[in-house]
Amino acid sequence: APPKVLLIVREEIKPGMMGAHARHSADFVGVFNQLQTPNHRI
């Protein structure tokens, strides 16, 4: 079943910064993986 509660984070990225943001987000995912956080997000 779908989760009963969602935390939704909406980020509006400045024009021209989407590529840098994608790299930045991938780096954060790497940190989460290395720290083995319980944070799983889509």
ModelCIF file with pLDDT and N, C-alpha, C, O atoms, coordinates in Angstrom:
data_MODEL
#
_entry.id   MODEL 
#
_entity.id                         1 
_entity.type                       polymer 
_entity.pdbx_number_of_molecules   1 
#
_entity_poly.entity_id                      1 
_entity_poly.type                           'polypeptide(L)' 
_entity_poly.nstd_linkage                   no 
_entity_poly.nstd_monomer                   no 
_entity_poly.pdbx_seq_one_letter_code       APPKVLLIVREEIKPGMMGAHARHSADFVGVFNQLQTPNHRI 
_entity_poly.pdbx_seq_one_letter_code_can   APPKVLLIVREEIKPGMMGAHARHSADFVGVFNQLQTPNHRI 
_entity_poly.pdbx_strand_id                 A 
#
loop_
_entity_poly_seq.entity_id 
_entity_poly_seq.num 
_entity_poly_seq.mon_id 
_entity_poly_seq.hetero 
1 1  ALA n 
1 2  PRO n 
1 3  PRO n 
1 4  LYS n 
1 5  VAL n 
1 6  LEU n 
1 7  LEU n 
1 8  ILE n 
1 9  VAL n 
1 10 ARG n 
1 11 GLU n 
1 12 GLU n 
1 13 ILE n 
1 14 LYS n 
1 15 PRO n 
1 16 GLY n 
1 17 MET n 
1 18 MET n 
1 19 GLY n 
1 20 ALA n 
1 21 HIS n 
1 22 ALA n 
1 23 ARG n 
1 24 HIS n 
1 25 SER n 
1 26 ALA n 
1 27 ASP n 
1 28 PHE n 
1 29 VAL n 
1 30 GLY n 
1 31 VAL n 
1 32 PHE n 
1 33 ASN n 
1 34 GLN n 
1 35 LEU n 
1 36 GLN n 
1 37 THR n 
1 38 PRO n 
1 39 ASN n 
1 40 HIS n 
1 41 ARG n 
1 42 ILE n 
#
_struct_asym.id          A 
_struct_asym.entity_id   1 
#
loop_
_ma_qa_metric.id 
_ma_qa_metric.mode 
_ma_qa_metric.name 
_ma_qa_metric.software_group_id 
_ma_qa_metric.type 
1 global pLDDT . pLDDT 
2 local  pLDDT . pLDDT 
#
_ma_qa_metric_global.metric_id      1 
_ma_qa_metric_global.metric_value   90.90 
_ma_qa_metric_global.model_id       1 
_ma_qa_metric_global.ordinal_id     1 
#
loop_
_ma_qa_metric_local.label_asym_id 
_ma_qa_metric_local.label_comp_id 
_ma_qa_metric_local.label_seq_id 
_ma_qa_metric_local.metric_id 
_ma_qa_metric_local.metric_value 
_ma_qa_metric_local.model_id 
_ma_qa_metric_local.ordinal_id 
A ALA 1  2 75.00 1 1  
A PRO 2  2 81.00 1 2  
A PRO 3  2 87.00 1 3  
A LYS 4  2 92.00 1 4  
A VAL 5  2 94.00 1 5  
A LEU 6  2 92.00 1 6  
A LEU 7  2 93.00 1 7  
A ILE 8  2 93.00 1 8  
A VAL 9  2 93.00 1 9  
A ARG 10 2 94.00 1 10 
A GLU 11 2 95.00 1 11 
A GLU 12 2 96.00 1 12 
A ILE 13 2 95.00 1 13 
A LYS 14 2 95.00 1 14 
A PRO 15 2 94.00 1 15 
A GLY 16 2 93.00 1 16 
A MET 17 2 94.00 1 17 
A MET 18 2 93.00 1 18 
A GLY 19 2 93.00 1 19 
A ALA 20 2 94.00 1 20 
A HIS 21 2 94.00 1 21 
A ALA 22 2 93.00 1 22 
A ARG 23 2 94.00 1 23 
A HIS 24 2 93.00 1 24 
A SER 25 2 92.00 1 25 
A ALA 26 2 93.00 1 26 
A ASP 27 2 92.00 1 27 
A PHE 28 2 88.00 1 28 
A VAL 29 2 91.00 1 29 
A GLY 30 2 90.00 1 30 
A VAL 31 2 89.00 1 31 
A PHE 32 2 88.00 1 32 
A ASN 33 2 90.00 1 33 
A GLN 34 2 89.00 1 34 
A LEU 35 2 89.00 1 35 
A GLN 36 2 90.00 1 36 
A THR 37 2 89.00 1 37 
A PRO 38 2 90.00 1 38 
A ASN 39 2 85.00 1 39 
A HIS 40 2 87.00 1 40 
A ARG 41 2 88.00 1 41 
A ILE 42 2 88.00 1 42 
#
loop_
_atom_site.group_PDB 
_atom_site.id 
_atom_site.type_symbol 
_atom_site.label_atom_id 
_atom_site.label_alt_id 
_atom_site.label_comp_id 
_atom_site.label_asym_id 
_atom_site.label_entity_id 
_atom_site.label_seq_id 
_atom_site.pdbx_PDB_ins_code 
_atom_site.Cartn_x 
_atom_site.Cartn_y 
_atom_site.Cartn_z 
_atom_site.occupancy 
_atom_site.B_iso_or_equiv 
_atom_site.pdbx_formal_charge 
_atom_site.auth_seq_id 
_atom_site.auth_comp_id 
_atom_site.auth_asym_id 
_atom_site.auth_atom_id 
_atom_site.pdbx_PDB_model_num 
ATOM 1   N N  . ALA A 1 1  ? 0.850  -1.192 0.000   1.00 75.00 ? 1  ALA A N  1 
ATOM 2   C CA . ALA A 1 1  ? 0.000  0.000  0.000   1.00 75.00 ? 1  ALA A CA 1 
ATOM 3   C C  . ALA A 1 1  ? 0.885  1.242  0.000   1.00 75.00 ? 1  ALA A C  1 
ATOM 4   O O  . ALA A 1 1  ? 2.031  1.180  0.445   1.00 75.00 ? 1  ALA A O  1 
ATOM 5   N N  . PRO A 1 2  ? 0.375  2.359  -0.488  1.00 81.00 ? 2  PRO A N  1 
ATOM 6   C CA . PRO A 1 2  ? 1.156  3.593  -0.428  1.00 81.00 ? 2  PRO A CA 1 
ATOM 7   C C  . PRO A 1 2  ? 1.435  3.957  1.030   1.00 81.00 ? 2  PRO A C  1 
ATOM 8   O O  . PRO A 1 2  ? 0.681  3.555  1.917   1.00 81.00 ? 2  PRO A O  1 
ATOM 9   N N  . PRO A 1 3  ? 2.491  4.701  1.287   1.00 87.00 ? 3  PRO A N  1 
ATOM 10  C CA . PRO A 1 3  ? 2.761  5.144  2.657   1.00 87.00 ? 3  PRO A CA 1 
ATOM 11  C C  . PRO A 1 3  ? 1.603  5.978  3.179   1.00 87.00 ? 3  PRO A C  1 
ATOM 12  O O  . PRO A 1 3  ? 0.936  6.672  2.411   1.00 87.00 ? 3  PRO A O  1 
ATOM 13  N N  . LYS A 1 4  ? 1.365  5.913  4.470   1.00 92.00 ? 4  LYS A N  1 
ATOM 14  C CA . LYS A 1 4  ? 0.253  6.671  5.073   1.00 92.00 ? 4  LYS A CA 1 
ATOM 15  C C  . LYS A 1 4  ? 0.582  8.148  5.219   1.00 92.00 ? 4  LYS A C  1 
ATOM 16  O O  . LYS A 1 4  ? -0.313 8.994  5.202   1.00 92.00 ? 4  LYS A O  1 
ATOM 17  N N  . VAL A 1 5  ? 1.875  8.460  5.362   1.00 94.00 ? 5  VAL A N  1 
ATOM 18  C CA . VAL A 1 5  ? 2.306  9.839  5.566   1.00 94.00 ? 5  VAL A CA 1 
ATOM 19  C C  . VAL A 1 5  ? 3.487  10.116 4.628   1.00 94.00 ? 5  VAL A C  1 
ATOM 20  O O  . VAL A 1 5  ? 4.381  9.284  4.473   1.00 94.00 ? 5  VAL A O  1 
ATOM 21  N N  . LEU A 1 6  ? 3.471  11.287 4.015   1.00 92.00 ? 6  LEU A N  1 
ATOM 22  C CA . LEU A 1 6  ? 4.565  11.686 3.130   1.00 92.00 ? 6  LEU A CA 1 
ATOM 23  C C  . LEU A 1 6  ? 5.171  13.006 3.589   1.00 92.00 ? 6  LEU A C  1 
ATOM 24  O O  . LEU A 1 6  ? 4.463  13.919 4.014   1.00 92.00 ? 6  LEU A O  1 
ATOM 25  N N  . LEU A 1 7  ? 6.476  13.086 3.495   1.00 93.00 ? 7  LEU A N  1 
ATOM 26  C CA . LEU A 1 7  ? 7.169  14.362 3.596   1.00 93.00 ? 7  LEU A CA 1 
ATOM 27  C C  . LEU A 1 7  ? 7.560  14.705 2.172   1.00 93.00 ? 7  LEU A C  1 
ATOM 28  O O  . LEU A 1 7  ? 8.332  13.986 1.539   1.00 93.00 ? 7  LEU A O  1 
ATOM 29  N N  . ILE A 1 8  ? 7.024  15.807 1.672   1.00 93.00 ? 8  ILE A N  1 
ATOM 30  C CA . ILE A 1 8  ? 7.293  16.236 0.305   1.00 93.00 ? 8  ILE A CA 1 
ATOM 31  C C  . ILE A 1 8  ? 8.104  17.526 0.374   1.00 93.00 ? 8  ILE A C  1 
ATOM 32  O O  . ILE A 1 8  ? 7.669  18.514 0.966   1.00 93.00 ? 8  ILE A O  1 
ATOM 33  N N  . VAL A 1 9  ? 9.279  17.506 -0.232  1.00 93.00 ? 9  VAL A N  1 
ATOM 34  C CA . VAL A 1 9  ? 10.126 18.697 -0.290  1.00 93.00 ? 9  VAL A CA 1 
ATOM 35  C C  . VAL A 1 9  ? 10.132 19.170 -1.737  1.00 93.00 ? 9  VAL A C  1 
ATOM 36  O O  . VAL A 1 9  ? 10.534 18.438 -2.641  1.00 93.00 ? 9  VAL A O  1 
ATOM 37  N N  . ARG A 1 10 ? 9.683  20.398 -1.942  1.00 94.00 ? 10 ARG A N  1 
ATOM 38  C CA . ARG A 1 10 ? 9.652  20.984 -3.285  1.00 94.00 ? 10 ARG A CA 1 
ATOM 39  C C  . ARG A 1 10 ? 10.745 22.033 -3.356  1.00 94.00 ? 10 ARG A C  1 
ATOM 40  O O  . ARG A 1 10 ? 10.779 22.975 -2.565  1.00 94.00 ? 10 ARG A O  1 
ATOM 41  N N  . GLU A 1 11 ? 11.634 21.851 -4.315  1.00 95.00 ? 11 GLU A N  1 
ATOM 42  C CA . GLU A 1 11 ? 12.716 22.799 -4.516  1.00 95.00 ? 11 GLU A CA 1 
ATOM 43  C C  . GLU A 1 11 ? 12.547 23.454 -5.881  1.00 95.00 ? 11 GLU A C  1 
ATOM 44  O O  . GLU A 1 11 ? 12.415 22.775 -6.899  1.00 95.00 ? 11 GLU A O  1 
ATOM 45  N N  . GLU A 1 12 ? 12.554 24.762 -5.884  1.00 96.00 ? 12 GLU A N  1 
ATOM 46  C CA . GLU A 1 12 ? 12.555 25.482 -7.146  1.00 96.00 ? 12 GLU A CA 1 
ATOM 47  C C  . GLU A 1 12 ? 13.994 25.900 -7.401  1.00 96.00 ? 12 GLU A C  1 
ATOM 48  O O  . GLU A 1 12 ? 14.591 26.632 -6.611  1.00 96.00 ? 12 GLU A O  1 
ATOM 49  N N  . ILE A 1 13 ? 14.546 25.425 -8.520  1.00 95.00 ? 13 ILE A N  1 
ATOM 50  C CA . ILE A 1 13 ? 15.939 25.644 -8.846  1.00 95.00 ? 13 ILE A CA 1 
ATOM 51  C C  . ILE A 1 13 ? 16.069 26.888 -9.727  1.00 95.00 ? 13 ILE A C  1 
ATOM 52  O O  . ILE A 1 13 ? 15.266 27.109 -10.633 1.00 95.00 ? 13 ILE A O  1 
ATOM 53  N N  . LYS A 1 14 ? 17.089 27.688 -9.446  1.00 95.00 ? 14 LYS A N  1 
ATOM 54  C CA . LYS A 1 14 ? 17.313 28.893 -10.255 1.00 95.00 ? 14 LYS A CA 1 
ATOM 55  C C  . LYS A 1 14 ? 17.590 28.503 -11.704 1.00 95.00 ? 14 LYS A C  1 
ATOM 56  O O  . LYS A 1 14 ? 18.222 27.478 -11.960 1.00 95.00 ? 14 LYS A O  1 
ATOM 57  N N  . PRO A 1 15 ? 17.117 29.322 -12.662 1.00 94.00 ? 15 PRO A N  1 
ATOM 58  C CA . PRO A 1 15 ? 17.356 29.020 -14.076 1.00 94.00 ? 15 PRO A CA 1 
ATOM 59  C C  . PRO A 1 15 ? 18.851 28.836 -14.361 1.00 94.00 ? 15 PRO A C  1 
ATOM 60  O O  . PRO A 1 15 ? 19.692 29.603 -13.892 1.00 94.00 ? 15 PRO A O  1 
ATOM 61  N N  . GLY A 1 16 ? 19.151 27.799 -15.143 1.00 93.00 ? 16 GLY A N  1 
ATOM 62  C CA . GLY A 1 16 ? 20.526 27.507 -15.516 1.00 93.00 ? 16 GLY A CA 1 
ATOM 63  C C  . GLY A 1 16 ? 21.312 26.707 -14.489 1.00 93.00 ? 16 GLY A C  1 
ATOM 64  O O  . GLY A 1 16 ? 22.475 26.375 -14.718 1.00 93.00 ? 16 GLY A O  1 
ATOM 65  N N  . MET A 1 17 ? 20.686 26.395 -13.361 1.00 94.00 ? 17 MET A N  1 
ATOM 66  C CA . MET A 1 17 ? 21.403 25.707 -12.283 1.00 94.00 ? 17 MET A CA 1 
ATOM 67  C C  . MET A 1 17 ? 21.002 24.234 -12.134 1.00 94.00 ? 17 MET A C  1 
ATOM 68  O O  . MET A 1 17 ? 21.455 23.563 -11.207 1.00 94.00 ? 17 MET A O  1 
ATOM 69  N N  . MET A 1 18 ? 20.156 23.725 -13.040 1.00 93.00 ? 18 MET A N  1 
ATOM 70  C CA . MET A 1 18 ? 19.668 22.354 -12.880 1.00 93.00 ? 18 MET A CA 1 
ATOM 71  C C  . MET A 1 18 ? 20.799 21.329 -12.954 1.00 93.00 ? 18 MET A C  1 
ATOM 72  O O  . MET A 1 18 ? 20.789 20.359 -12.197 1.00 93.00 ? 18 MET A O  1 
ATOM 73  N N  . GLY A 1 19 ? 21.759 21.516 -13.835 1.00 93.00 ? 19 GLY A N  1 
ATOM 74  C CA . GLY A 1 19 ? 22.893 20.591 -13.935 1.00 93.00 ? 19 GLY A CA 1 
ATOM 75  C C  . GLY A 1 19 ? 23.715 20.573 -12.651 1.00 93.00 ? 19 GLY A C  1 
ATOM 76  O O  . GLY A 1 19 ? 24.064 19.509 -12.140 1.00 93.00 ? 19 GLY A O  1 
ATOM 77  N N  . ALA A 1 20 ? 24.017 21.754 -12.140 1.00 94.00 ? 20 ALA A N  1 
ATOM 78  C CA . ALA A 1 20 ? 24.771 21.847 -10.884 1.00 94.00 ? 20 ALA A CA 1 
ATOM 79  C C  . ALA A 1 20 ? 23.967 21.238 -9.740  1.00 94.00 ? 20 ALA A C  1 
ATOM 80  O O  . ALA A 1 20 ? 24.526 20.585 -8.858  1.00 94.00 ? 20 ALA A O  1 
ATOM 81  N N  . HIS A 1 21 ? 22.648 21.455 -9.759  1.00 94.00 ? 21 HIS A N  1 
ATOM 82  C CA . HIS A 1 21 ? 21.807 20.891 -8.709  1.00 94.00 ? 21 HIS A CA 1 
ATOM 83  C C  . HIS A 1 21 ? 21.787 19.365 -8.781  1.00 94.00 ? 21 HIS A C  1 
ATOM 84  O O  . HIS A 1 21 ? 21.792 18.701 -7.744  1.00 94.00 ? 21 HIS A O  1 
ATOM 85  N N  . ALA A 1 22 ? 21.763 18.808 -9.976  1.00 93.00 ? 22 ALA A N  1 
ATOM 86  C CA . ALA A 1 22 ? 21.774 17.349 -10.130 1.00 93.00 ? 22 ALA A CA 1 
ATOM 87  C C  . ALA A 1 22 ? 23.056 16.763 -9.531  1.00 93.00 ? 22 ALA A C  1 
ATOM 88  O O  . ALA A 1 22 ? 23.011 15.741 -8.846  1.00 93.00 ? 22 ALA A O  1 
ATOM 89  N N  . ARG A 1 23 ? 24.189 17.405 -9.787  1.00 94.00 ? 23 ARG A N  1 
ATOM 90  C CA . ARG A 1 23 ? 25.457 16.951 -9.211  1.00 94.00 ? 23 ARG A CA 1 
ATOM 91  C C  . ARG A 1 23 ? 25.433 17.077 -7.688  1.00 94.00 ? 23 ARG A C  1 
ATOM 92  O O  . ARG A 1 23 ? 25.861 16.177 -6.966  1.00 94.00 ? 23 ARG A O  1 
ATOM 93  N N  . HIS A 1 24 ? 24.925 18.210 -7.225  1.00 93.00 ? 24 HIS A N  1 
ATOM 94  C CA . HIS A 1 24 ? 24.831 18.490 -5.794  1.00 93.00 ? 24 HIS A CA 1 
ATOM 95  C C  . HIS A 1 24 ? 23.964 17.434 -5.095  1.00 93.00 ? 24 HIS A C  1 
ATOM 96  O O  . HIS A 1 24 ? 24.328 16.926 -4.034  1.00 93.00 ? 24 HIS A O  1 
ATOM 97  N N  . SER A 1 25 ? 22.828 17.115 -5.693  1.00 92.00 ? 25 SER A N  1 
ATOM 98  C CA . SER A 1 25 ? 21.927 16.112 -5.113  1.00 92.00 ? 25 SER A CA 1 
ATOM 99  C C  . SER A 1 25 ? 22.574 14.733 -5.106  1.00 92.00 ? 25 SER A C  1 
ATOM 100 O O  . SER A 1 25 ? 22.433 13.983 -4.141  1.00 92.00 ? 25 SER A O  1 
ATOM 101 N N  . ALA A 1 26 ? 23.281 14.400 -6.177  1.00 93.00 ? 26 ALA A N  1 
ATOM 102 C CA . ALA A 1 26 ? 23.979 13.106 -6.238  1.00 93.00 ? 26 ALA A CA 1 
ATOM 103 C C  . ALA A 1 26 ? 25.052 13.024 -5.157  1.00 93.00 ? 26 ALA A C  1 
ATOM 104 O O  . ALA A 1 26 ? 25.265 11.964 -4.568  1.00 93.00 ? 26 ALA A O  1 
ATOM 105 N N  . ASP A 1 27 ? 25.729 14.144 -4.895  1.00 92.00 ? 27 ASP A N  1 
ATOM 106 C CA . ASP A 1 27 ? 26.723 14.160 -3.815  1.00 92.00 ? 27 ASP A CA 1 
ATOM 107 C C  . ASP A 1 27 ? 26.061 13.930 -2.459  1.00 92.00 ? 27 ASP A C  1 
ATOM 108 O O  . ASP A 1 27 ? 26.604 13.215 -1.616  1.00 92.00 ? 27 ASP A O  1 
ATOM 109 N N  . PHE A 1 28 ? 24.884 14.534 -2.243  1.00 88.00 ? 28 PHE A N  1 
ATOM 110 C CA . PHE A 1 28 ? 24.156 14.311 -0.989  1.00 88.00 ? 28 PHE A CA 1 
ATOM 111 C C  . PHE A 1 28 ? 23.744 12.847 -0.852  1.00 88.00 ? 28 PHE A C  1 
ATOM 112 O O  . PHE A 1 28 ? 23.831 12.274 0.234   1.00 88.00 ? 28 PHE A O  1 
ATOM 113 N N  . VAL A 1 29 ? 23.299 12.246 -1.944  1.00 91.00 ? 29 VAL A N  1 
ATOM 114 C CA . VAL A 1 29 ? 22.931 10.826 -1.918  1.00 91.00 ? 29 VAL A CA 1 
ATOM 115 C C  . VAL A 1 29 ? 24.144 9.988  -1.533  1.00 91.00 ? 29 VAL A C  1 
ATOM 116 O O  . VAL A 1 29 ? 24.023 9.039  -0.759  1.00 91.00 ? 29 VAL A O  1 
ATOM 117 N N  . GLY A 1 30 ? 25.310 10.334 -2.067  1.00 90.00 ? 30 GLY A N  1 
ATOM 118 C CA . GLY A 1 30 ? 26.536 9.630  -1.704  1.00 90.00 ? 30 GLY A CA 1 
ATOM 119 C C  . GLY A 1 30 ? 26.841 9.737  -0.223  1.00 90.00 ? 30 GLY A C  1 
ATOM 120 O O  . GLY A 1 30 ? 27.255 8.761  0.403   1.00 90.00 ? 30 GLY A O  1 
ATOM 121 N N  . VAL A 1 31 ? 26.638 10.924 0.338   1.00 89.00 ? 31 VAL A N  1 
ATOM 122 C CA . VAL A 1 31 ? 26.855 11.129 1.775   1.00 89.00 ? 31 VAL A CA 1 
ATOM 123 C C  . VAL A 1 31 ? 25.866 10.283 2.573   1.00 89.00 ? 31 VAL A C  1 
ATOM 124 O O  . VAL A 1 31 ? 26.253 9.613  3.531   1.00 89.00 ? 31 VAL A O  1 
ATOM 125 N N  . PHE A 1 32 ? 24.593 10.310 2.185   1.00 88.00 ? 32 PHE A N  1 
ATOM 126 C CA . PHE A 1 32 ? 23.580 9.506  2.878   1.00 88.00 ? 32 PHE A CA 1 
ATOM 127 C C  . PHE A 1 32 ? 23.961 8.020  2.843   1.00 88.00 ? 32 PHE A C  1 
ATOM 128 O O  . PHE A 1 32 ? 23.821 7.310  3.839   1.00 88.00 ? 32 PHE A O  1 
ATOM 129 N N  . ASN A 1 33 ? 24.443 7.565  1.687   1.00 90.00 ? 33 ASN A N  1 
ATOM 130 C CA . ASN A 1 33 ? 24.845 6.154  1.578   1.00 90.00 ? 33 ASN A CA 1 
ATOM 131 C C  . ASN A 1 33 ? 26.040 5.842  2.464   1.00 90.00 ? 33 ASN A C  1 
ATOM 132 O O  . ASN A 1 33 ? 26.055 4.819  3.148   1.00 90.00 ? 33 ASN A O  1 
ATOM 133 N N  . GLN A 1 34 ? 27.046 6.717  2.459   1.00 89.00 ? 34 GLN A N  1 
ATOM 134 C CA . GLN A 1 34 ? 28.234 6.470  3.275   1.00 89.00 ? 34 GLN A CA 1 
ATOM 135 C C  . GLN A 1 34 ? 27.910 6.491  4.764   1.00 89.00 ? 34 GLN A C  1 
ATOM 136 O O  . GLN A 1 34 ? 28.473 5.713  5.534   1.00 89.00 ? 34 GLN A O  1 
ATOM 137 N N  . LEU A 1 35 ? 27.011 7.373  5.171   1.00 89.00 ? 35 LEU A N  1 
ATOM 138 C CA . LEU A 1 35 ? 26.622 7.452  6.579   1.00 89.00 ? 35 LEU A CA 1 
ATOM 139 C C  . LEU A 1 35 ? 25.578 6.398  6.944   1.00 89.00 ? 35 LEU A C  1 
ATOM 140 O O  . LEU A 1 35 ? 25.233 6.234  8.114   1.00 89.00 ? 35 LEU A O  1 
ATOM 141 N N  . GLN A 1 36 ? 25.081 5.687  5.935   1.00 90.00 ? 36 GLN A N  1 
ATOM 142 C CA . GLN A 1 36 ? 24.058 4.654  6.114   1.00 90.00 ? 36 GLN A CA 1 
ATOM 143 C C  . GLN A 1 36 ? 22.838 5.206  6.871   1.00 90.00 ? 36 GLN A C  1 
ATOM 144 O O  . GLN A 1 36 ? 22.385 4.630  7.860   1.00 90.00 ? 36 GLN A O  1 
ATOM 145 N N  . THR A 1 37 ? 22.325 6.337  6.377   1.00 89.00 ? 37 THR A N  1 
ATOM 146 C CA . THR A 1 37 ? 21.151 6.942  6.999   1.00 89.00 ? 37 THR A CA 1 
ATOM 147 C C  . THR A 1 37 ? 19.901 6.133  6.641   1.00 89.00 ? 37 THR A C  1 
ATOM 148 O O  . THR A 1 37 ? 19.881 5.438  5.625   1.00 89.00 ? 37 THR A O  1 
ATOM 149 N N  . PRO A 1 38 ? 18.862 6.223  7.472   1.00 90.00 ? 38 PRO A N  1 
ATOM 150 C CA . PRO A 1 38 ? 17.611 5.534  7.160   1.00 90.00 ? 38 PRO A CA 1 
ATOM 151 C C  . PRO A 1 38 ? 16.739 6.326  6.190   1.00 90.00 ? 38 PRO A C  1 
ATOM 152 O O  . PRO A 1 38 ? 15.594 5.955  5.927   1.00 90.00 ? 38 PRO A O  1 
ATOM 153 N N  . ASN A 1 39 ? 17.286 7.416  5.660   1.00 85.00 ? 39 ASN A N  1 
ATOM 154 C CA . ASN A 1 39 ? 16.536 8.325  4.802   1.00 85.00 ? 39 ASN A CA 1 
ATOM 155 C C  . ASN A 1 39 ? 16.492 7.778  3.379   1.00 85.00 ? 39 ASN A C  1 
ATOM 156 O O  . ASN A 1 39 ? 17.504 7.777  2.678   1.00 85.00 ? 39 ASN A O  1 
ATOM 157 N N  . HIS A 1 40 ? 15.324 7.316  2.957   1.00 87.00 ? 40 HIS A N  1 
ATOM 158 C CA . HIS A 1 40 ? 15.119 6.842  1.585   1.00 87.00 ? 40 HIS A CA 1 
ATOM 159 C C  . HIS A 1 40 ? 14.092 7.756  0.943   1.00 87.00 ? 40 HIS A C  1 
ATOM 160 O O  . HIS A 1 40 ? 13.000 7.945  1.478   1.00 87.00 ? 40 HIS A O  1 
ATOM 161 N N  . ARG A 1 41 ? 14.436 8.317  -0.191  1.00 88.00 ? 41 ARG A N  1 
ATOM 162 C CA . ARG A 1 41 ? 13.523 9.248  -0.832  1.00 88.00 ? 41 ARG A CA 1 
ATOM 163 C C  . ARG A 1 41 ? 13.480 9.005  -2.326  1.00 88.00 ? 41 ARG A C  1 
ATOM 164 O O  . ARG A 1 41 ? 14.397 8.435  -2.918  1.00 88.00 ? 41 ARG A O  1 
ATOM 165 N N  . ILE A 1 42 ? 12.396 9.450  -2.909  1.00 88.00 ? 42 ILE A N  1 
ATOM 166 C CA . ILE A 1 42 ? 12.232 9.409  -4.353  1.00 88.00 ? 42 ILE A CA 1 
ATOM 167 C C  . ILE A 1 42 ? 12.381 10.843 -4.850  1.00 88.00 ? 42 ILE A C  1 
ATOM 168 O O  . ILE A 1 42 ? 12.285 11.094 -6.051  1.00 88.00 ? 42 ILE A O  1 
#
